[in-house]
Structure formats: C-alpha cells, structure tokens
C-alpha cells in the first residue's frame, strides 16, 4: 500500500499487533507477532507502522512508508500442471 492506510486481512479486518514491554535501555527492539490470513496480499509490499504508549499516552510514533527495514513482502506463488503429450492443463491420472 502506498496510501498509509491500514492493511486489511482477507476478512476485511485491520491487521495489527500488540506487544507490551519494559525497556531495559534507551535503545533496543522488541518483536511483535502478527497473525492473519494474508492471501489477499500476494505480490504486495506492506510497511509496518509503530505507535508506543506509556500509561495509555502516545509517546512515540514511527510511520515512514518508505522505511525498507519495516517492509514485508508477500510473494505471489502459482502452480500449474500440464500434460507432456497434449500440452493442455488437463491430465489423465495414471497408475504411477
């Protein structure tokens, strides 16, 4: 998405992750897990935006749509079967 709008899963719901953490230093990172059906995202790139709250107050935001380190690529995979003799996409099942 180049829109900056939230990405929707295959059921039309916004995709988001939530992770509570207690920082041990001024710099660091935390992993956030996202669970969703991404079938509708095949062939697309999305950028993860971050918001950090302290006691329900927004204290930091990272929303750079061009940040490559925040991008996820969803490959588009396709398979196809073709009969060697006829060249068509319908094949007769054989014993082997």
N, C-alpha and C. Protein backbone atom coordinates (compact mmCIF):
# COMPACT_ATOMS: atom_id res chain seq x y z
N UNK A 1 0.83 -1.18 0.00
CA UNK A 1 0.00 0.00 0.00
C UNK A 1 0.88 1.25 0.00
N UNK A 2 0.59 2.15 -0.86
CA UNK A 2 1.27 3.45 -0.87
C UNK A 2 0.37 4.51 -0.26
N UNK A 3 -0.69 4.09 0.38
CA UNK A 3 -1.68 5.04 0.88
C UNK A 3 -1.44 5.45 2.32
N UNK A 4 -0.75 4.62 3.08
CA UNK A 4 -0.59 4.88 4.50
C UNK A 4 -1.77 4.42 5.32
N UNK A 5 -2.78 3.87 4.65
CA UNK A 5 -3.97 3.37 5.33
C UNK A 5 -3.70 1.98 5.89
N UNK A 6 -4.43 1.58 6.92
CA UNK A 6 -4.25 0.22 7.47
C UNK A 6 -4.51 -0.85 6.43
N UNK A 7 -3.74 -1.93 6.52
CA UNK A 7 -3.91 -3.07 5.63
C UNK A 7 -4.98 -3.97 6.22
N UNK A 8 -5.83 -4.51 5.34
CA UNK A 8 -6.92 -5.38 5.79
C UNK A 8 -6.61 -6.83 5.45
N UNK A 9 -7.04 -7.74 6.32
CA UNK A 9 -6.84 -9.16 6.04
C UNK A 9 -7.93 -9.64 5.08
N UNK A 10 -7.95 -10.94 4.82
CA UNK A 10 -8.91 -11.49 3.85
C UNK A 10 -10.36 -11.37 4.32
N UNK A 11 -10.58 -11.06 5.60
CA UNK A 11 -11.94 -10.88 6.13
C UNK A 11 -12.30 -9.41 6.27
N UNK A 12 -11.41 -8.51 5.80
CA UNK A 12 -11.69 -7.08 5.84
C UNK A 12 -11.37 -6.42 7.18
N UNK A 13 -10.65 -7.12 8.05
CA UNK A 13 -10.30 -6.56 9.36
C UNK A 13 -8.90 -5.96 9.32
N UNK A 14 -8.68 -4.86 10.06
CA UNK A 14 -7.37 -4.23 10.14
C UNK A 14 -6.36 -5.20 10.76
N UNK A 15 -5.16 -5.22 10.18
CA UNK A 15 -4.09 -6.07 10.70
C UNK A 15 -3.27 -5.25 11.68
N UNK A 16 -3.11 -5.75 12.89
CA UNK A 16 -2.30 -5.05 13.86
C UNK A 16 -1.70 -6.05 14.84
N UNK A 17 -0.64 -5.64 15.50
CA UNK A 17 -0.02 -6.44 16.54
C UNK A 17 0.13 -5.59 17.78
N UNK A 18 0.18 -6.24 18.91
CA UNK A 18 0.30 -5.54 20.18
C UNK A 18 1.33 -6.27 21.02
N UNK A 19 2.28 -5.53 21.57
CA UNK A 19 3.30 -6.14 22.41
C UNK A 19 3.62 -5.22 23.57
N UNK A 20 3.38 -5.68 24.79
CA UNK A 20 3.78 -4.92 25.97
C UNK A 20 5.23 -5.26 26.27
N UNK A 21 5.99 -4.25 26.70
CA UNK A 21 7.39 -4.48 27.05
C UNK A 21 7.87 -3.44 28.04
N UNK A 22 8.93 -3.78 28.73
CA UNK A 22 9.59 -2.86 29.65
C UNK A 22 11.01 -2.68 29.14
N UNK A 23 11.34 -1.49 28.62
CA UNK A 23 12.68 -1.27 28.07
C UNK A 23 13.75 -1.33 29.16
N UNK A 24 14.88 -1.96 28.82
CA UNK A 24 15.99 -2.06 29.76
C UNK A 24 17.05 -1.00 29.51
N UNK A 25 17.05 -0.43 28.28
CA UNK A 25 17.98 0.63 27.91
C UNK A 25 17.24 1.64 27.05
N UNK A 26 17.90 2.76 26.74
CA UNK A 26 17.28 3.79 25.90
C UNK A 26 17.12 3.32 24.45
N UNK A 27 17.96 2.39 24.01
CA UNK A 27 17.87 1.85 22.65
C UNK A 27 17.59 0.35 22.77
N UNK A 28 16.92 -0.15 21.78
CA UNK A 28 16.62 -1.58 21.79
C UNK A 28 15.52 -1.90 20.79
N UNK A 29 15.03 -3.10 20.88
CA UNK A 29 13.95 -3.52 19.98
C UNK A 29 13.09 -4.55 20.69
N UNK A 30 11.93 -4.76 20.12
CA UNK A 30 11.01 -5.77 20.62
C UNK A 30 10.33 -6.40 19.41
N UNK A 31 10.11 -7.69 19.46
CA UNK A 31 9.43 -8.38 18.36
C UNK A 31 7.93 -8.33 18.58
N UNK A 32 7.20 -8.09 17.49
CA UNK A 32 5.75 -8.06 17.52
C UNK A 32 5.25 -9.10 16.54
N UNK A 33 4.37 -9.96 17.01
CA UNK A 33 3.85 -11.04 16.16
C UNK A 33 2.50 -10.64 15.58
N UNK A 34 2.32 -10.91 14.28
CA UNK A 34 1.08 -10.65 13.58
C UNK A 34 0.52 -11.99 13.11
N UNK A 35 -0.73 -12.27 13.39
CA UNK A 35 -1.37 -13.50 12.93
C UNK A 35 -2.59 -13.11 12.08
N UNK A 36 -2.54 -13.48 10.79
CA UNK A 36 -3.65 -13.13 9.90
C UNK A 36 -3.54 -13.95 8.62
N UNK A 37 -4.63 -14.01 7.89
CA UNK A 37 -4.67 -14.67 6.58
C UNK A 37 -4.24 -13.62 5.56
N UNK A 38 -3.09 -13.81 4.96
CA UNK A 38 -2.54 -12.83 4.02
C UNK A 38 -2.75 -13.17 2.56
N UNK A 39 -3.71 -14.03 2.24
CA UNK A 39 -3.93 -14.41 0.84
C UNK A 39 -4.18 -13.22 -0.07
N UNK A 40 -4.84 -12.20 0.42
CA UNK A 40 -5.16 -11.04 -0.43
C UNK A 40 -3.96 -10.12 -0.62
N UNK A 41 -2.85 -10.41 0.07
CA UNK A 41 -1.66 -9.57 -0.02
C UNK A 41 -0.60 -10.12 -0.98
N UNK A 42 -0.88 -11.23 -1.65
CA UNK A 42 0.09 -11.85 -2.55
C UNK A 42 0.61 -10.85 -3.57
N UNK A 43 1.95 -10.78 -3.68
CA UNK A 43 2.60 -9.89 -4.63
C UNK A 43 2.74 -8.46 -4.16
N UNK A 44 2.34 -8.18 -2.93
CA UNK A 44 2.37 -6.81 -2.43
C UNK A 44 3.43 -6.63 -1.34
N UNK A 45 3.81 -5.38 -1.14
CA UNK A 45 4.66 -4.98 -0.02
C UNK A 45 3.83 -4.15 0.94
N UNK A 46 4.04 -4.37 2.23
CA UNK A 46 3.40 -3.51 3.22
C UNK A 46 4.47 -2.98 4.16
N UNK A 47 4.20 -1.85 4.77
CA UNK A 47 5.12 -1.25 5.73
C UNK A 47 4.44 -1.22 7.09
N UNK A 48 5.15 -1.69 8.10
CA UNK A 48 4.61 -1.71 9.45
C UNK A 48 4.85 -0.36 10.10
N UNK A 49 3.79 0.23 10.63
CA UNK A 49 3.88 1.48 11.39
C UNK A 49 3.86 1.14 12.88
N UNK A 50 4.49 1.99 13.68
CA UNK A 50 4.56 1.74 15.11
C UNK A 50 4.06 2.93 15.91
N UNK A 51 3.38 2.62 16.99
CA UNK A 51 2.99 3.62 17.97
C UNK A 51 3.37 3.06 19.34
N UNK A 52 3.97 3.89 20.17
CA UNK A 52 4.39 3.46 21.51
C UNK A 52 3.64 4.28 22.55
N UNK A 53 3.03 3.58 23.48
CA UNK A 53 2.24 4.22 24.53
C UNK A 53 2.86 3.96 25.90
N UNK A 54 2.74 4.92 26.78
CA UNK A 54 3.12 4.79 28.19
C UNK A 54 1.90 5.21 29.01
N UNK A 55 1.37 4.26 29.75
CA UNK A 55 0.16 4.53 30.53
C UNK A 55 -0.95 5.14 29.68
N UNK A 56 -1.16 4.56 28.51
CA UNK A 56 -2.20 4.95 27.55
C UNK A 56 -1.99 6.32 26.90
N UNK A 57 -0.81 6.91 27.08
CA UNK A 57 -0.46 8.17 26.41
C UNK A 57 0.52 7.86 25.27
N UNK A 58 0.20 8.32 24.07
CA UNK A 58 1.07 8.13 22.91
C UNK A 58 2.35 8.93 23.11
N UNK A 59 3.51 8.22 23.15
CA UNK A 59 4.78 8.91 23.40
C UNK A 59 5.76 8.84 22.23
N UNK A 60 5.54 7.93 21.27
CA UNK A 60 6.43 7.82 20.11
C UNK A 60 5.67 7.21 18.93
N UNK A 61 6.03 7.67 17.73
CA UNK A 61 5.39 7.19 16.50
C UNK A 61 6.46 6.97 15.44
N UNK A 62 6.35 5.88 14.70
CA UNK A 62 7.23 5.63 13.56
C UNK A 62 6.33 5.21 12.41
N UNK A 63 6.09 6.14 11.48
CA UNK A 63 5.20 5.89 10.34
C UNK A 63 5.86 6.37 9.06
N UNK A 64 6.97 5.73 8.69
CA UNK A 64 7.69 6.07 7.46
C UNK A 64 7.40 5.00 6.43
N UNK A 65 6.51 5.30 5.49
CA UNK A 65 6.07 4.32 4.50
C UNK A 65 7.21 3.84 3.59
N UNK A 66 8.31 4.58 3.52
CA UNK A 66 9.45 4.22 2.68
C UNK A 66 10.55 3.48 3.45
N UNK A 67 10.36 3.20 4.73
CA UNK A 67 11.38 2.54 5.56
C UNK A 67 11.47 1.06 5.20
N UNK A 68 12.51 0.71 4.47
CA UNK A 68 12.69 -0.67 3.99
C UNK A 68 12.81 -1.66 5.14
N UNK A 69 13.39 -1.24 6.26
CA UNK A 69 13.55 -2.15 7.40
C UNK A 69 12.21 -2.50 8.05
N UNK A 70 11.15 -1.77 7.71
CA UNK A 70 9.82 -2.02 8.27
C UNK A 70 8.89 -2.70 7.25
N UNK A 71 9.42 -3.00 6.05
CA UNK A 71 8.59 -3.56 4.98
C UNK A 71 8.55 -5.08 5.02
N UNK A 72 7.41 -5.60 4.63
CA UNK A 72 7.23 -7.05 4.49
C UNK A 72 6.73 -7.30 3.08
N UNK A 73 7.38 -8.25 2.39
CA UNK A 73 6.96 -8.62 1.03
C UNK A 73 6.21 -9.94 1.10
N UNK A 74 5.06 -10.00 0.45
CA UNK A 74 4.27 -11.22 0.37
C UNK A 74 4.40 -11.76 -1.05
N UNK A 75 5.17 -12.83 -1.22
CA UNK A 75 5.37 -13.37 -2.58
C UNK A 75 4.07 -13.94 -3.15
N UNK A 76 3.97 -13.86 -4.46
CA UNK A 76 2.83 -14.44 -5.15
C UNK A 76 3.29 -15.77 -5.74
N UNK A 77 2.68 -16.85 -5.29
CA UNK A 77 3.07 -18.18 -5.74
C UNK A 77 1.95 -18.79 -6.58
N UNK A 78 2.35 -19.43 -7.67
CA UNK A 78 1.38 -20.10 -8.54
C UNK A 78 1.95 -21.44 -8.96
N UNK A 79 1.07 -22.39 -9.15
CA UNK A 79 1.49 -23.68 -9.69
C UNK A 79 0.60 -24.01 -10.87
N UNK A 80 1.12 -24.84 -11.74
CA UNK A 80 0.36 -25.23 -12.92
C UNK A 80 0.78 -26.65 -13.31
N UNK A 81 -0.17 -27.41 -13.82
CA UNK A 81 0.11 -28.76 -14.29
C UNK A 81 -0.23 -28.80 -15.77
N UNK A 82 0.68 -29.42 -16.55
CA UNK A 82 0.44 -29.51 -17.99
C UNK A 82 0.82 -30.91 -18.45
N UNK A 83 0.00 -31.51 -19.25
CA UNK A 83 0.26 -32.84 -19.79
C UNK A 83 1.39 -32.77 -20.81
N UNK A 84 2.39 -33.64 -20.67
CA UNK A 84 3.55 -33.66 -21.58
C UNK A 84 3.16 -33.99 -23.01
N UNK A 85 2.19 -34.85 -23.20
CA UNK A 85 1.82 -35.28 -24.56
C UNK A 85 0.87 -34.32 -25.25
N UNK A 86 -0.14 -33.84 -24.52
CA UNK A 86 -1.15 -32.99 -25.17
C UNK A 86 -0.85 -31.50 -25.02
N UNK A 87 -0.09 -31.14 -24.01
CA UNK A 87 0.23 -29.73 -23.78
C UNK A 87 -0.90 -28.95 -23.12
N UNK A 88 -1.97 -29.63 -22.75
CA UNK A 88 -3.08 -28.93 -22.10
C UNK A 88 -3.00 -29.12 -20.58
N UNK A 89 -3.80 -28.34 -19.88
CA UNK A 89 -3.76 -28.34 -18.42
C UNK A 89 -4.68 -29.38 -17.79
N UNK A 90 -5.10 -30.33 -18.56
CA UNK A 90 -5.88 -31.45 -18.04
C UNK A 90 -5.08 -32.71 -18.30
N UNK A 91 -4.86 -33.49 -17.25
CA UNK A 91 -4.10 -34.73 -17.44
C UNK A 91 -4.86 -35.90 -16.86
N UNK A 92 -4.65 -37.03 -17.47
CA UNK A 92 -5.28 -38.24 -17.02
C UNK A 92 -4.39 -38.86 -15.95
N UNK A 93 -4.99 -39.25 -14.84
CA UNK A 93 -4.20 -39.91 -13.81
C UNK A 93 -3.79 -41.30 -14.29
N UNK A 94 -2.59 -41.65 -13.94
CA UNK A 94 -2.07 -42.94 -14.34
C UNK A 94 -1.72 -43.74 -13.11
N UNK A 95 -1.43 -44.99 -13.31
CA UNK A 95 -1.12 -45.91 -12.22
C UNK A 95 0.07 -45.41 -11.40
N UNK A 96 1.10 -44.89 -12.06
CA UNK A 96 2.31 -44.42 -11.38
C UNK A 96 2.14 -43.02 -10.86
